Amino acid sequence: MLPVCLRSEVEYGVGPNPDKRDAVIRAATYRRPEYDNAGISFSPSTLEAVRSSLRLQFPPVQQQRGSSFSMLESLPLELLCDVFTSLDIEAILNLRQVSHRLREAVGAVPAYEFATEHGLDAVLALFWSGLGPHFTLHDVNNALRTEYCAVPRCGRFGHFVFLPTLNRVCFECLGHERQFSLLLLSKADIAESHSSEKSEPVHVMHTLPGFYSERKRKYHKQRHHIVAELDSVKPRDPGRGHYGWPCSNRYLAAIALPFLECSGSQVRSHHTVFCKGCVFARDNKLGPTGRARWLHGRTKTLPLLVNRMYDHRTYFEHFKWCRQAQILWDSGKEIDSLSS
């Protein structure tokens, strides 16, 4: 709830136009790199190099006798796409290296194209962390199209994807919920998991070197073998807590991914955003009229508003009453009209 001194007197309607809503998000919100890079992250140069490699085709070679994949080529394209989509990440990436024709065939699969275009970070993280054999392109695309945290009754935007299970998770649940706890493989007892057919699959993950956490960023150089503390995975010594594996290290198994809203051929990305209007009001000590003044004790909630995270949907509930965000949006429209 906005304090009265910052609250607009009239509700500001944006309307359902998706282009206008995207423009409001660009003008009145911002993203914080420390939150986007709190988990596994790759530099833009690394992603671009990998993306270029994935697009690179083998030079055409003369077909040799007996080298044709006649059985594979005889399958209809729809069935071929189903076969490739059901392959795990490691298998599909290795299959591209077999031949020029298979590389072209894999590249034409819509699920592969979608995953490498919008979720390349997740594909790389799964492949390099040793989780590639356990998840398919379909699993990655489902995670990209999932919006909310997997914890029941949470309802928050899932900023992260927890790699050992490929479930969406918000900031709060990642740090507090038991289902996202991690154990060193050497400290975990997973013998019971093989005795029950109904138990969840246990996937061993190799952590990646890099900087983690959104506050006190720490460089983790050593690679650990870890597992998620599921119902089928128990600590060997329950009396010793987390074995020196604090909750902040859960970021080593999480990666920030956008939620992709697909409507026909259009794909819209939803990220965690922060309100520019609240930051502007805090820095300039402004009220709803725009005049500078000290707001005394009436803005005790302002630091909370400045650090409050929104997804695109919940931000518009805030925007329709945040006067400073509305001023930023209106001034942006005036600049656009003058420039045109």
C-alpha atoms as a PDB file:
ATOM      1  CA  MET A   1       0.000   0.000   0.000  1.00  0.00           C
ATOM      2  CA  LEU A   2       1.389   3.376  -1.014  1.00  0.00           C
ATOM      3  CA  PRO A   3       1.552   6.108   1.656  1.00  0.00           C
ATOM      4  CA  VAL A   4      -0.968   8.901   1.147  1.00  0.00           C
ATOM      5  CA  CYS A   5       1.786  11.405   0.366  1.00  0.00           C
ATOM      6  CA  LEU A   6       2.815   9.363  -2.695  1.00  0.00           C
ATOM      7  CA  ARG A   7      -0.552   8.044  -3.747  1.00  0.00           C
ATOM      8  CA  SER A   8      -2.301   9.331  -6.841  1.00  0.00           C
ATOM      9  CA  GLU A   9      -5.713  10.855  -6.222  1.00  0.00           C
ATOM     10  CA  VAL A  10      -7.208   9.160  -9.285  1.00  0.00           C
ATOM     11  CA  GLU A  11      -6.680   5.612 -10.458  1.00  0.00           C
ATOM     12  CA  TYR A  12      -4.538   5.599 -13.591  1.00  0.00           C
ATOM     13  CA  GLY A  13      -5.730   3.100 -16.176  1.00  0.00           C
ATOM     14  CA  VAL A  14      -3.317   1.597 -18.689  1.00  0.00           C
ATOM     15  CA  GLY A  15      -5.675  -0.640 -20.617  1.00  0.00           C
ATOM     16  CA  PRO A  16      -5.169  -4.110 -22.092  1.00  0.00           C
ATOM     17  CA  ASN A  17      -3.038  -3.032 -25.084  1.00  0.00           C
ATOM     18  CA  PRO A  18       0.095  -5.220 -24.773  1.00  0.00           C
ATOM     19  CA  ASP A  19       2.305  -2.773 -26.688  1.00  0.00           C
ATOM     20  CA  LYS A  20       1.322   0.072 -24.382  1.00  0.00           C
ATOM     21  CA  ARG A  21       1.886  -2.071 -21.303  1.00  0.00           C
ATOM     22  CA  ASP A  22       5.348  -3.009 -22.582  1.00  0.00           C
ATOM     23  CA  ALA A  23       6.094   0.691 -23.107  1.00  0.00           C
ATOM     24  CA  VAL A  24       5.054   1.478 -19.520  1.00  0.00           C
ATOM     25  CA  ILE A  25       7.353  -1.264 -18.236  1.00  0.00           C
ATOM     26  CA  ARG A  26      10.270   0.187 -20.211  1.00  0.00           C
ATOM     27  CA  ALA A  27       9.593   3.755 -19.064  1.00  0.00           C
ATOM     28  CA  ALA A  28       8.652   3.310 -15.395  1.00  0.00           C
ATOM     29  CA  THR A  29      10.590   0.250 -14.217  1.00  0.00           C
ATOM     30  CA  TYR A  30      14.161  -0.971 -14.142  1.00  0.00           C
ATOM     31  CA  ARG A  31      15.989  -4.219 -13.486  1.00  0.00           C
ATOM     32  CA  ARG A  32      18.794  -4.776 -11.012  1.00  0.00           C
ATOM     33  CA  PRO A  33      21.762  -6.771 -12.329  1.00  0.00           C
ATOM     34  CA  GLU A  34      22.642  -8.019  -8.843  1.00  0.00           C
ATOM     35  CA  TYR A  35      19.329  -9.881  -8.752  1.00  0.00           C
ATOM     36  CA  ASP A  36      19.499 -11.146 -12.331  1.00  0.00           C
ATOM     37  CA  ASN A  37      23.059 -12.404 -11.746  1.00  0.00           C
ATOM     38  CA  ALA A  38      22.533 -13.772  -8.221  1.00  0.00           C
ATOM     39  CA  GLY A  39      22.433 -17.344  -9.524  1.00  0.00           C
ATOM     40  CA  ILE A  40      24.193 -18.999 -12.443  1.00  0.00           C
ATOM     41  CA  SER A  41      24.911 -16.412 -15.108  1.00  0.00           C
ATOM     42  CA  PHE A  42      26.955 -16.152 -18.267  1.00  0.00           C
ATOM     43  CA  SER A  43      28.559 -13.121 -19.840  1.00  0.00           C
ATOM     44  CA  PRO A  44      26.976 -11.726 -23.023  1.00  0.00           C
ATOM     45  CA  SER A  45      30.140 -12.583 -24.947  1.00  0.00           C
ATOM     46  CA  THR A  46      29.905 -16.233 -23.858  1.00  0.00           C
ATOM     47  CA  LEU A  47      26.261 -16.461 -24.867  1.00  0.00           C
ATOM     48  CA  GLU A  48      26.919 -14.814 -28.219  1.00  0.00           C
ATOM     49  CA  ALA A  49      29.824 -17.156 -28.955  1.00  0.00           C
ATOM     50  CA  VAL A  50      27.706 -20.207 -28.147  1.00  0.00           C
ATOM     51  CA  ARG A  51      24.742 -18.872 -30.124  1.00  0.00           C
ATOM     52  CA  SER A  52      26.997 -18.292 -33.145  1.00  0.00           C
ATOM     53  CA  SER A  53      28.338 -21.819 -32.807  1.00  0.00           C
ATOM     54  CA  LEU A  54      24.817 -23.240 -32.707  1.00  0.00           C
ATOM     55  CA  ARG A  55      23.892 -21.341 -35.860  1.00  0.00           C
ATOM     56  CA  LEU A  56      27.065 -22.370 -37.693  1.00  0.00           C
ATOM     57  CA  GLN A  57      26.485 -25.027 -40.305  1.00  0.00           C
ATOM     58  CA  PHE A  58      28.974 -27.633 -41.444  1.00  0.00           C
ATOM     59  CA  PRO A  59      30.434 -26.893 -44.877  1.00  0.00           C
ATOM     60  CA  PRO A  60      28.630 -28.918 -47.536  1.00  0.00           C
ATOM     61  CA  VAL A  61      30.397 -32.135 -48.382  1.00  0.00           C
ATOM     62  CA  GLN A  62      29.823 -34.651 -51.134  1.00  0.00           C
ATOM     63  CA  GLN A  63      27.584 -37.464 -49.949  1.00  0.00           C
ATOM     64  CA  GLN A  64      29.440 -40.730 -49.763  1.00  0.00           C
ATOM     65  CA  ARG A  65      27.912 -44.050 -50.627  1.00  0.00           C
ATOM     66  CA  GLY A  66      26.462 -45.794 -47.624  1.00  0.00           C
ATOM     67  CA  SER A  67      26.573 -42.669 -45.444  1.00  0.00           C
ATOM     68  CA  SER A  68      22.877 -41.853 -45.734  1.00  0.00           C
ATOM     69  CA  PHE A  69      20.669 -42.062 -42.665  1.00  0.00           C
ATOM     70  CA  SER A  70      17.948 -43.611 -44.815  1.00  0.00           C
ATOM     71  CA  MET A  71      15.753 -44.816 -41.944  1.00  0.00           C
ATOM     72  CA  LEU A  72      15.901 -41.480 -40.171  1.00  0.00           C
ATOM     73  CA  GLU A  73      15.332 -39.473 -43.334  1.00  0.00           C
ATOM     74  CA  SER A  74      12.299 -41.571 -44.247  1.00  0.00           C
ATOM     75  CA  LEU A  75      10.415 -40.423 -41.136  1.00  0.00           C
ATOM     76  CA  PRO A  76       7.856 -37.624 -41.512  1.00  0.00           C
ATOM     77  CA  LEU A  77       8.989 -34.232 -40.257  1.00  0.00           C
ATOM     78  CA  GLU A  78       6.355 -34.183 -37.483  1.00  0.00           C
ATOM     79  CA  LEU A  79       7.523 -37.538 -36.133  1.00  0.00           C
ATOM     80  CA  LEU A  80      11.149 -36.475 -36.449  1.00  0.00           C
ATOM     81  CA  CYS A  81      10.396 -33.379 -34.376  1.00  0.00           C
ATOM     82  CA  ASP A  82       8.727 -35.526 -31.710  1.00  0.00           C
ATOM     83  CA  VAL A  83      11.767 -37.814 -31.579  1.00  0.00           C
ATOM     84  CA  PHE A  84      14.225 -34.941 -31.228  1.00  0.00           C
ATOM     85  CA  THR A  85      12.074 -33.123 -28.671  1.00  0.00           C
ATOM     86  CA  SER A  86      11.991 -36.218 -26.452  1.00  0.00           C
ATOM     87  CA  LEU A  87      15.799 -36.448 -26.427  1.00  0.00           C
ATOM     88  CA  ASP A  88      17.637 -35.072 -23.438  1.00  0.00           C
ATOM     89  CA  ILE A  89      19.749 -31.914 -23.673  1.00  0.00           C
ATOM     90  CA  GLU A  90      23.077 -33.720 -23.857  1.00  0.00           C
ATOM     91  CA  ALA A  91      21.860 -36.143 -26.528  1.00  0.00           C
ATOM     92  CA  ILE A  92      20.376 -33.435 -28.743  1.00  0.00           C
ATOM     93  CA  LEU A  93      23.557 -31.338 -28.615  1.00  0.00           C
ATOM     94  CA  ASN A  94      25.716 -34.367 -29.388  1.00  0.00           C
ATOM     95  CA  LEU A  95      23.398 -35.431 -32.208  1.00  0.00           C
ATOM     96  CA  ARG A  96      24.092 -32.145 -33.985  1.00  0.00           C
ATOM     97  CA  GLN A  97      27.745 -33.117 -34.245  1.00  0.00           C
ATOM     98  CA  VAL A  98      27.083 -36.349 -36.147  1.00  0.00           C
ATOM     99  CA  SER A  99      26.504 -34.973 -39.618  1.00  0.00           C
ATOM    100  CA  HIS A 100      25.569 -31.941 -41.652  1.00  0.00           C
ATOM    101  CA  ARG A 101      22.044 -33.241 -42.318  1.00  0.00           C
ATOM    102  CA  LEU A 102      21.347 -34.063 -38.672  1.00  0.00           C
ATOM    103  CA  ARG A 103      22.522 -30.625 -37.641  1.00  0.00           C
ATOM    104  CA  GLU A 104      20.072 -29.078 -40.104  1.00  0.00           C
ATOM    105  CA  ALA A 105      17.291 -31.421 -38.972  1.00  0.00           C
ATOM    106  CA  VAL A 106      17.814 -30.599 -35.285  1.00  0.00           C
ATOM    107  CA  GLY A 107      17.993 -26.883 -36.039  1.00  0.00           C
ATOM    108  CA  ALA A 108      14.601 -27.064 -37.755  1.00  0.00           C
ATOM    109  CA  VAL A 109      12.874 -28.479 -34.661  1.00  0.00           C
ATOM    110  CA  PRO A 110      10.666 -25.706 -33.172  1.00  0.00           C
ATOM    111  CA  ALA A 111      11.353 -26.811 -29.576  1.00  0.00           C
ATOM    112  CA  TYR A 112      15.116 -26.628 -30.153  1.00  0.00           C
ATOM    113  CA  GLU A 113      14.871 -23.244 -31.849  1.00  0.00           C
ATOM    114  CA  PHE A 114      12.689 -21.871 -29.046  1.00  0.00           C
ATOM    115  CA  ALA A 115      14.936 -23.186 -26.246  1.00  0.00           C
ATOM    116  CA  THR A 116      18.200 -21.945 -27.752  1.00  0.00           C
ATOM    117  CA  GLU A 117      16.733 -18.568 -28.676  1.00  0.00           C
ATOM    118  CA  HIS A 118      14.993 -17.725 -25.394  1.00  0.00           C
ATOM    119  CA  GLY A 119      16.523 -20.108 -22.836  1.00  0.00           C
ATOM    120  CA  LEU A 120      20.110 -20.576 -23.945  1.00  0.00           C
ATOM    121  CA  ASP A 121      21.285 -19.783 -20.402  1.00  0.00           C
ATOM    122  CA  ALA A 122      19.304 -22.735 -19.044  1.00  0.00           C
ATOM    123  CA  VAL A 123      20.470 -25.086 -21.800  1.00  0.00           C
ATOM    124  CA  LEU A 124      24.114 -24.228 -21.118  1.00  0.00           C
ATOM    125  CA  ALA A 125      23.695 -24.448 -17.349  1.00  0.00           C
ATOM    126  CA  LEU A 126      22.104 -27.889 -17.609  1.00  0.00           C
ATOM    127  CA  PHE A 127      24.741 -29.140 -20.050  1.00  0.00           C
ATOM    128  CA  TRP A 128      27.781 -27.834 -18.159  1.00  0.00           C
ATOM    129  CA  SER A 129      26.489 -28.812 -14.707  1.00  0.00           C
ATOM    130  CA  GLY A 130      25.974 -32.452 -15.667  1.00  0.00           C
ATOM    131  CA  LEU A 131      22.165 -32.268 -15.608  1.00  0.00           C
ATOM    132  CA  GLY A 132      21.834 -32.455 -19.397  1.00  0.00           C
ATOM    133  CA  PRO A 133      21.023 -36.198 -19.513  1.00  0.00           C
ATOM    134  CA  HIS A 134      18.074 -35.746 -17.143  1.00  0.00           C
ATOM    135  CA  PHE A 135      16.017 -33.053 -18.904  1.00  0.00           C
ATOM    136  CA  THR A 136      14.613 -32.563 -22.403  1.00  0.00           C
ATOM    137  CA  LEU A 137      13.938 -29.526 -24.568  1.00  0.00           C
ATOM    138  CA  HIS A 138      10.291 -29.897 -23.623  1.00  0.00           C
ATOM    139  CA  ASP A 139      11.213 -29.567 -19.935  1.00  0.00           C
ATOM    140  CA  VAL A 140      13.196 -26.379 -20.592  1.00  0.00           C
ATOM    141  CA  ASN A 141      10.405 -24.830 -22.641  1.00  0.00           C
ATOM    142  CA  ASN A 142       7.854 -25.687 -19.963  1.00  0.00           C
ATOM    143  CA  ALA A 143       9.995 -23.891 -17.386  1.00  0.00           C
ATOM    144  CA  LEU A 144      10.194 -20.829 -19.641  1.00  0.00           C
ATOM    145  CA  ARG A 145       6.395 -20.793 -20.007  1.00  0.00           C
ATOM    146  CA  THR A 146       5.769 -21.185 -16.264  1.00  0.00           C
ATOM    147  CA  GLU A 147       5.161 -17.917 -14.432  1.00  0.00           C
ATOM    148  CA  TYR A 148       4.701 -18.573 -10.730  1.00  0.00           C
ATOM    149  CA  CYS A 149       6.678 -20.194  -7.940  1.00  0.00           C
ATOM    150  CA  ALA A 150       6.183 -23.955  -7.602  1.00  0.00           C
ATOM    151  CA  VAL A 151       5.644 -23.756  -3.836  1.00  0.00           C
ATOM    152  CA  PRO A 152       1.921 -24.270  -3.025  1.00  0.00           C
ATOM    153  CA  ARG A 153       0.112 -21.154  -1.770  1.00  0.00           C
ATOM    154  CA  CYS A 154       3.056 -18.909  -2.660  1.00  0.00           C
ATOM    155  CA  GLY A 155       1.645 -17.160  -5.728  1.00  0.00           C
ATOM    156  CA  ARG A 156       4.742 -15.013  -6.337  1.00  0.00           C
ATOM    157  CA  PHE A 157       6.536 -14.586  -9.631  1.00  0.00           C
ATOM    158  CA  GLY A 158       9.160 -17.306 -10.127  1.00  0.00           C
ATOM    159  CA  HIS A 159      12.306 -15.290 -10.812  1.00  0.00           C
ATOM    160  CA  PHE A 160      14.561 -18.363 -10.680  1.00  0.00           C
ATOM    161  CA  VAL A 161      14.520 -21.888 -12.048  1.00  0.00           C
ATOM    162  CA  PHE A 162      15.903 -24.454  -9.600  1.00  0.00           C
ATOM    163  CA  LEU A 163      18.033 -26.658 -11.857  1.00  0.00           C
ATOM    164  CA  PRO A 164      17.985 -30.009  -9.953  1.00  0.00           C
ATOM    165  CA  THR A 165      14.192 -30.176 -10.423  1.00  0.00           C
ATOM    166  CA  LEU A 166      13.657 -27.478 -13.090  1.00  0.00           C
ATOM    167  CA  ASN A 167      10.935 -25.860 -10.984  1.00  0.00           C
ATOM    168  CA  ARG A 168      10.189 -22.143 -10.807  1.00  0.00           C
ATOM    169  CA  VAL A 169      10.960 -20.477  -7.480  1.00  0.00           C
ATOM    170  CA  CYS A 170      10.767 -16.935  -6.124  1.00  0.00           C
ATOM    171  CA  PHE A 171      13.452 -15.172  -4.060  1.00  0.00           C
ATOM    172  CA  GLU A 172      11.734 -15.804  -0.725  1.00  0.00           C
ATOM    173  CA  CYS A 173      11.079 -19.510  -1.235  1.00  0.00           C
ATOM    174  CA  LEU A 174      14.555 -20.178  -2.613  1.00  0.00           C
ATOM    175  CA  GLY A 175      16.052 -18.996   0.653  1.00  0.00           C
ATOM    176  CA  HIS A 176      13.586 -20.563   3.081  1.00  0.00           C
ATOM    177  CA  GLU A 177      11.758 -23.581   1.687  1.00  0.00           C
ATOM    178  CA  ARG A 178      13.165 -27.008   2.494  1.00  0.00           C
ATOM    179  CA  GLN A 179      12.487 -28.429  -0.964  1.00  0.00           C
ATOM    180  CA  PHE A 180      15.219 -26.161  -2.342  1.00  0.00           C
ATOM    181  CA  SER A 181      17.826 -27.219   0.210  1.00  0.00           C
ATOM    182  CA  LEU A 182      21.073 -28.653  -1.106  1.00  0.00           C
ATOM    183  CA  LEU A 183      23.383 -31.314   0.233  1.00  0.00           C
ATOM    184  CA  LEU A 184      26.900 -32.213  -0.712  1.00  0.00           C
ATOM    185  CA  LEU A 185      26.866 -35.610  -2.376  1.00  0.00           C
ATOM    186  CA  SER A 186      29.391 -36.871   0.163  1.00  0.00           C
ATOM    187  CA  LYS A 187      27.023 -35.866   3.003  1.00  0.00           C
ATOM    188  CA  ALA A 188      23.820 -37.258   1.500  1.00  0.00           C
ATOM    189  CA  ASP A 189      22.288 -40.702   1.892  1.00  0.00           C
ATOM    190  CA  ILE A 190      20.442 -41.601  -1.314  1.00  0.00           C
ATOM    191  CA  ALA A 191      20.438 -45.381  -0.921  1.00  0.00           C
ATOM    192  CA  GLU A 192      16.748 -45.411   0.005  1.00  0.00           C
ATOM    193  CA  SER A 193      15.812 -43.545  -3.167  1.00  0.00           C
ATOM    194  CA  HIS A 194      16.569 -46.623  -5.279  1.00  0.00           C
ATOM    195  CA  SER A 195      14.291 -48.894  -3.270  1.00  0.00           C
ATOM    196  CA  SER A 196      11.074 -47.064  -4.014  1.00  0.00           C
ATOM    197  CA  GLU A 197       9.574 -46.809  -7.478  1.00  0.00           C
ATOM    198  CA  LYS A 198       7.515 -43.770  -6.456  1.00  0.00           C
ATOM    199  CA  SER A 199      10.471 -41.759  -5.162  1.00  0.00           C
ATOM    200  CA  GLU A 200      11.591 -38.661  -7.016  1.00  0.00           C
ATOM    201  CA  PRO A 201      14.614 -39.039  -9.312  1.00  0.00           C
ATOM    202  CA  VAL A 202      17.851 -37.850  -7.771  1.00  0.00           C
ATOM    203  CA  HIS A 203      20.075 -35.819 -10.078  1.00  0.00           C
ATOM    204  CA  VAL A 204      23.665 -35.050  -9.157  1.00  0.00           C
ATOM    205  CA  MET A 205      24.711 -31.546 -10.151  1.00  0.00           C
ATOM    206  CA  HIS A 206      28.229 -30.141 -10.552  1.00  0.00           C
ATOM    207  CA  THR A 207      28.391 -26.511  -9.466  1.00  0.00           C
ATOM    208  CA  LEU A 208      29.880 -23.952 -11.851  1.00  0.00           C
ATOM    209  CA  PRO A 209      32.583 -21.447 -10.862  1.00  0.00           C
ATOM    210  CA  GLY A 210      31.408 -17.849 -10.602  1.00  0.00           C
ATOM    211  CA  PHE A 211      30.041 -15.062  -8.409  1.00  0.00           C
ATOM    212  CA  TYR A 212      26.825 -15.789  -6.538  1.00  0.00           C
ATOM    213  CA  SER A 213      24.265 -14.109  -4.233  1.00  0.00           C
ATOM    214  CA  GLU A 214      22.628 -10.699  -4.676  1.00  0.00           C
ATOM    215  CA  ARG A 215      24.126  -8.996  -1.607  1.00  0.00           C
ATOM    216  CA  LYS A 216      27.548 -10.233  -0.508  1.00  0.00           C
ATOM    217  CA  ARG A 217      28.663 -11.671  -3.816  1.00  0.00           C
ATOM    218  CA  LYS A 218      31.237 -14.377  -3.342  1.00  0.00           C
ATOM    219  CA  TYR A 219      33.339 -16.140  -5.940  1.00  0.00           C
ATOM    220  CA  HIS A 220      33.031 -19.929  -5.815  1.00  0.00           C
ATOM    221  CA  LYS A 221      35.986 -21.510  -7.556  1.00  0.00           C
ATOM    222  CA  GLN A 222      35.788 -25.108  -6.388  1.00  0.00           C
ATOM    223  CA  ARG A 223      33.277 -27.358  -8.118  1.00  0.00           C
ATOM    224  CA  HIS A 224      31.068 -29.396  -5.787  1.00  0.00           C
ATOM    225  CA  HIS A 225      28.859 -32.407  -6.410  1.00  0.00           C
ATOM    226  CA  ILE A 226      25.474 -31.595  -4.903  1.00  0.00           C
ATOM    227  CA  VAL A 227      21.955 -33.006  -4.768  1.00  0.00           C
ATOM    228  CA  ALA A 228      18.631 -31.475  -3.802  1.00  0.00           C
ATOM    229  CA  GLU A 229      17.320 -32.503  -0.374  1.00  0.00           C
ATOM    230  CA  LEU A 230      14.195 -34.264  -1.630  1.00  0.00           C
ATOM    231  CA  ASP A 231      12.040 -36.764   0.232  1.00  0.00           C
ATOM    232  CA  SER A 232      14.217 -39.539  -1.168  1.00  0.00           C
ATOM    233  CA  VAL A 233      17.471 -37.864  -0.099  1.00  0.00           C
ATOM    234  CA  LYS A 234      18.322 -37.751   3.589  1.00  0.00           C
ATOM    235  CA  PRO A 235      21.299 -36.259   5.445  1.00  0.00           C
ATOM    236  CA  ARG A 236      23.675 -38.846   6.821  1.00  0.00           C
ATOM    237  CA  ASP A 237      23.928 -37.000  10.109  1.00  0.00           C
ATOM    238  CA  PRO A 238      20.700 -35.021  10.743  1.00  0.00           C
ATOM    239  CA  GLY A 239      22.084 -33.599  13.957  1.00  0.00           C
ATOM    240  CA  ARG A 240      24.693 -31.520  12.140  1.00  0.00           C
ATOM    241  CA  GLY A 241      22.374 -29.267  10.167  1.00  0.00           C
ATOM    242  CA  HIS A 242      23.419 -28.237   6.668  1.00  0.00           C
ATOM    243  CA  TYR A 243      27.071 -29.363   6.882  1.00  0.00           C
ATOM    244  CA  GLY A 244      28.467 -25.912   6.214  1.00  0.00           C
ATOM    245  CA  TRP A 245      26.247 -25.569   3.117  1.00  0.00           C
ATOM    246  CA  PRO A 246      24.312 -22.379   3.974  1.00  0.00           C
ATOM    247  CA  CYS A 247      21.091 -21.215   2.358  1.00  0.00           C
ATOM    248  CA  SER A 248      22.987 -18.557   0.386  1.00  0.00           C
ATOM    249  CA  ASN A 249      24.676 -21.352  -1.566  1.00  0.00           C
ATOM    250  CA  ARG A 250      21.324 -22.331  -3.054  1.00  0.00           C
ATOM    251  CA  TYR A 251      22.051 -19.727  -5.706  1.00  0.00           C
ATOM    252  CA  LEU A 252      24.643 -22.165  -7.104  1.00  0.00           C
ATOM    253  CA  ALA A 253      21.758 -24.346  -8.290  1.00  0.00           C
ATOM    254  CA  ALA A 254      19.469 -21.563  -9.545  1.00  0.00           C
ATOM    255  CA  ILE A 255      19.357 -19.471 -12.690  1.00  0.00           C
ATOM    256  CA  ALA A 256      17.265 -16.370 -13.401  1.00  0.00           C
ATOM    257  CA  LEU A 257      15.023 -16.863 -16.430  1.00  0.00           C
ATOM    258  CA  PRO A 258      12.237 -14.720 -17.868  1.00  0.00           C
ATOM    259  CA  PHE A 259       8.681 -15.909 -18.091  1.00  0.00           C
ATOM    260  CA  LEU A 260       7.706 -16.086 -21.761  1.00  0.00           C
ATOM    261  CA  GLU A 261       4.132 -15.232 -22.645  1.00  0.00           C
ATOM    262  CA  CYS A 262       3.419 -16.718 -26.053  1.00  0.00           C
ATOM    263  CA  SER A 263       0.530 -15.436 -28.141  1.00  0.00           C
ATOM    264  CA  GLY A 264       0.628 -16.837 -31.643  1.00  0.00           C
ATOM    265  CA  SER A 265       3.982 -15.923 -33.142  1.00  0.00           C
ATOM    266  CA  GLN A 266       4.624 -13.168 -30.583  1.00  0.00           C
ATOM    267  CA  VAL A 267       6.746 -13.890 -27.515  1.00  0.00           C
ATOM    268  CA  ARG A 268       6.810 -11.392 -24.636  1.00  0.00           C
ATOM    269  CA  SER A 269       9.394 -11.633 -21.860  1.00  0.00           C
ATOM    270  CA  HIS A 270       8.417 -10.934 -18.249  1.00  0.00           C
ATOM    271  CA  HIS A 271      11.171 -10.193 -15.721  1.00  0.00           C
ATOM    272  CA  THR A 272      11.402  -9.111 -12.115  1.00  0.00           C
ATOM    273  CA  VAL A 273      11.312  -5.303 -12.125  1.00  0.00           C
ATOM    274  CA  PHE A 274      11.536  -2.427  -9.639  1.00  0.00           C
ATOM    275  CA  CYS A 275       9.623   0.864  -9.679  1.00  0.00           C
ATOM    276  CA  LYS A 276      11.505   3.924 -10.942  1.00  0.00           C
ATOM    277  CA  GLY A 277       8.837   6.200  -9.487  1.00  0.00           C
ATOM    278  CA  CYS A 278       9.462   5.078  -5.901  1.00  0.00           C
ATOM    279  CA  VAL A 279      13.219   5.522  -6.343  1.00  0.00           C
ATOM    280  CA  PHE A 280      12.677   8.987  -7.832  1.00  0.00           C
ATOM    281  CA  ALA A 281      10.427   9.966  -4.912  1.00  0.00           C
ATOM    282  CA  ARG A 282      12.975   8.736  -2.371  1.00  0.00           C
ATOM    283  CA  ASP A 283      15.953  10.461  -3.979  1.00  0.00           C
ATOM    284  CA  ASN A 284      14.168  13.776  -4.550  1.00  0.00           C
ATOM    285  CA  LYS A 285      11.822  13.681  -1.545  1.00  0.00           C
ATOM    286  CA  LEU A 286       8.795  14.291  -3.723  1.00  0.00           C
ATOM    287  CA  GLY A 287       5.116  14.054  -2.973  1.00  0.00           C
ATOM    288  CA  PRO A 288       2.286  13.459  -5.456  1.00  0.00           C
ATOM    289  CA  THR A 289       2.289  17.111  -6.578  1.00  0.00           C
ATOM    290  CA  GLY A 290       5.922  16.903  -7.689  1.00  0.00           C
ATOM    291  CA  ARG A 291       7.096  19.625  -5.276  1.00  0.00           C
ATOM    292  CA  ALA A 292      10.222  18.868  -3.274  1.00  0.00           C
ATOM    293  CA  ARG A 293       9.622  18.480   0.428  1.00  0.00           C
ATOM    294  CA  TRP A 294      10.659  16.400   3.402  1.00  0.00           C
ATOM    295  CA  LEU A 295       8.128  13.635   3.948  1.00  0.00           C
ATOM    296  CA  HIS A 296       8.949  13.067   7.632  1.00  0.00           C
ATOM    297  CA  GLY A 297       7.669   9.839   9.150  1.00  0.00           C
ATOM    298  CA  ARG A 298       4.944   9.297   6.593  1.00  0.00           C
ATOM    299  CA  THR A 299       7.320   7.489   4.260  1.00  0.00           C
ATOM    300  CA  LYS A 300       8.612   4.812   6.586  1.00  0.00           C
ATOM    301  CA  THR A 301       7.353   2.332   4.011  1.00  0.00           C
ATOM    302  CA  LEU A 302       9.264   4.006   1.170  1.00  0.00           C
ATOM    303  CA  PRO A 303      12.475   1.929   1.569  1.00  0.00           C
ATOM    304  CA  LEU A 304      10.281  -1.176   1.391  1.00  0.00           C
ATOM    305  CA  LEU A 305       8.604   0.117  -1.761  1.00  0.00           C
ATOM    306  CA  VAL A 306      11.958   0.922  -3.378  1.00  0.00           C
ATOM    307  CA  ASN A 307      13.150  -2.645  -2.813  1.00  0.00           C
ATOM    308  CA  ARG A 308       9.868  -4.334  -3.631  1.00  0.00           C
ATOM    309  CA  MET A 309      10.049  -6.720  -6.562  1.00  0.00           C
ATOM    310  CA  TYR A 310       7.252  -6.937  -9.117  1.00  0.00           C
ATOM    311  CA  ASP A 311       6.453  -9.055 -12.098  1.00  0.00           C
ATOM    312  CA  HIS A 312       4.794  -7.303 -15.023  1.00  0.00           C
ATOM    313  CA  ARG A 313       1.293  -8.197 -13.913  1.00  0.00           C
ATOM    314  CA  THR A 314       1.569  -7.094 -10.292  1.00  0.00           C
ATOM    315  CA  TYR A 315       3.443  -3.932 -11.227  1.00  0.00           C
ATOM    316  CA  PHE A 316       0.381  -2.476 -12.928  1.00  0.00           C
ATOM    317  CA  GLU A 317      -1.556  -2.806  -9.664  1.00  0.00           C
ATOM    318  CA  HIS A 318       1.133  -0.603  -8.138  1.00  0.00           C
ATOM    319  CA  PHE A 319       1.468   1.711 -11.141  1.00  0.00           C
ATOM    320  CA  LYS A 320      -2.166   2.783 -11.217  1.00  0.00           C
ATOM    321  CA  TRP A 321      -1.695   4.483  -7.815  1.00  0.00           C
ATOM    322  CA  CYS A 322       2.024   5.480  -7.935  1.00  0.00           C
ATOM    323  CA  ARG A 323       1.996   9.129  -8.927  1.00  0.00           C
ATOM    324  CA  GLN A 324       5.738   9.432  -9.594  1.00  0.00           C
ATOM    325  CA  ALA A 325       5.725   6.405 -11.898  1.00  0.00           C
ATOM    326  CA  GLN A 326       2.815   7.962 -13.784  1.00  0.00           C
ATOM    327  CA  ILE A 327       4.754  11.228 -14.149  1.00  0.00           C
ATOM    328  CA  LEU A 328       7.718   9.326 -15.593  1.00  0.00           C
ATOM    329  CA  TRP A 329       5.428   7.584 -18.073  1.00  0.00           C
ATOM    330  CA  ASP A 330       3.690  10.824 -19.115  1.00  0.00           C
ATOM    331  CA  SER A 331       7.012  12.667 -19.559  1.00  0.00           C
ATOM    332  CA  GLY A 332       8.300   9.785 -21.681  1.00  0.00           C
ATOM    333  CA  LYS A 333       5.258  10.060 -23.953  1.00  0.00           C
ATOM    334  CA  GLU A 334       5.878  13.802 -24.404  1.00  0.00           C
ATOM    335  CA  ILE A 335       9.517  13.180 -25.355  1.00  0.00           C
ATOM    336  CA  ASP A 336       8.452  10.557 -27.897  1.00  0.00           C
ATOM    337  CA  SER A 337       5.896  12.918 -29.465  1.00  0.00           C
ATOM    338  CA  LEU A 338       8.468  15.727 -29.743  1.00  0.00           C
ATOM    339  CA  SER A 339      11.084  13.458 -31.289  1.00  0.00           C
ATOM    340  CA  SER A 340       8.588  12.174 -33.858  1.00  0.00           C
END
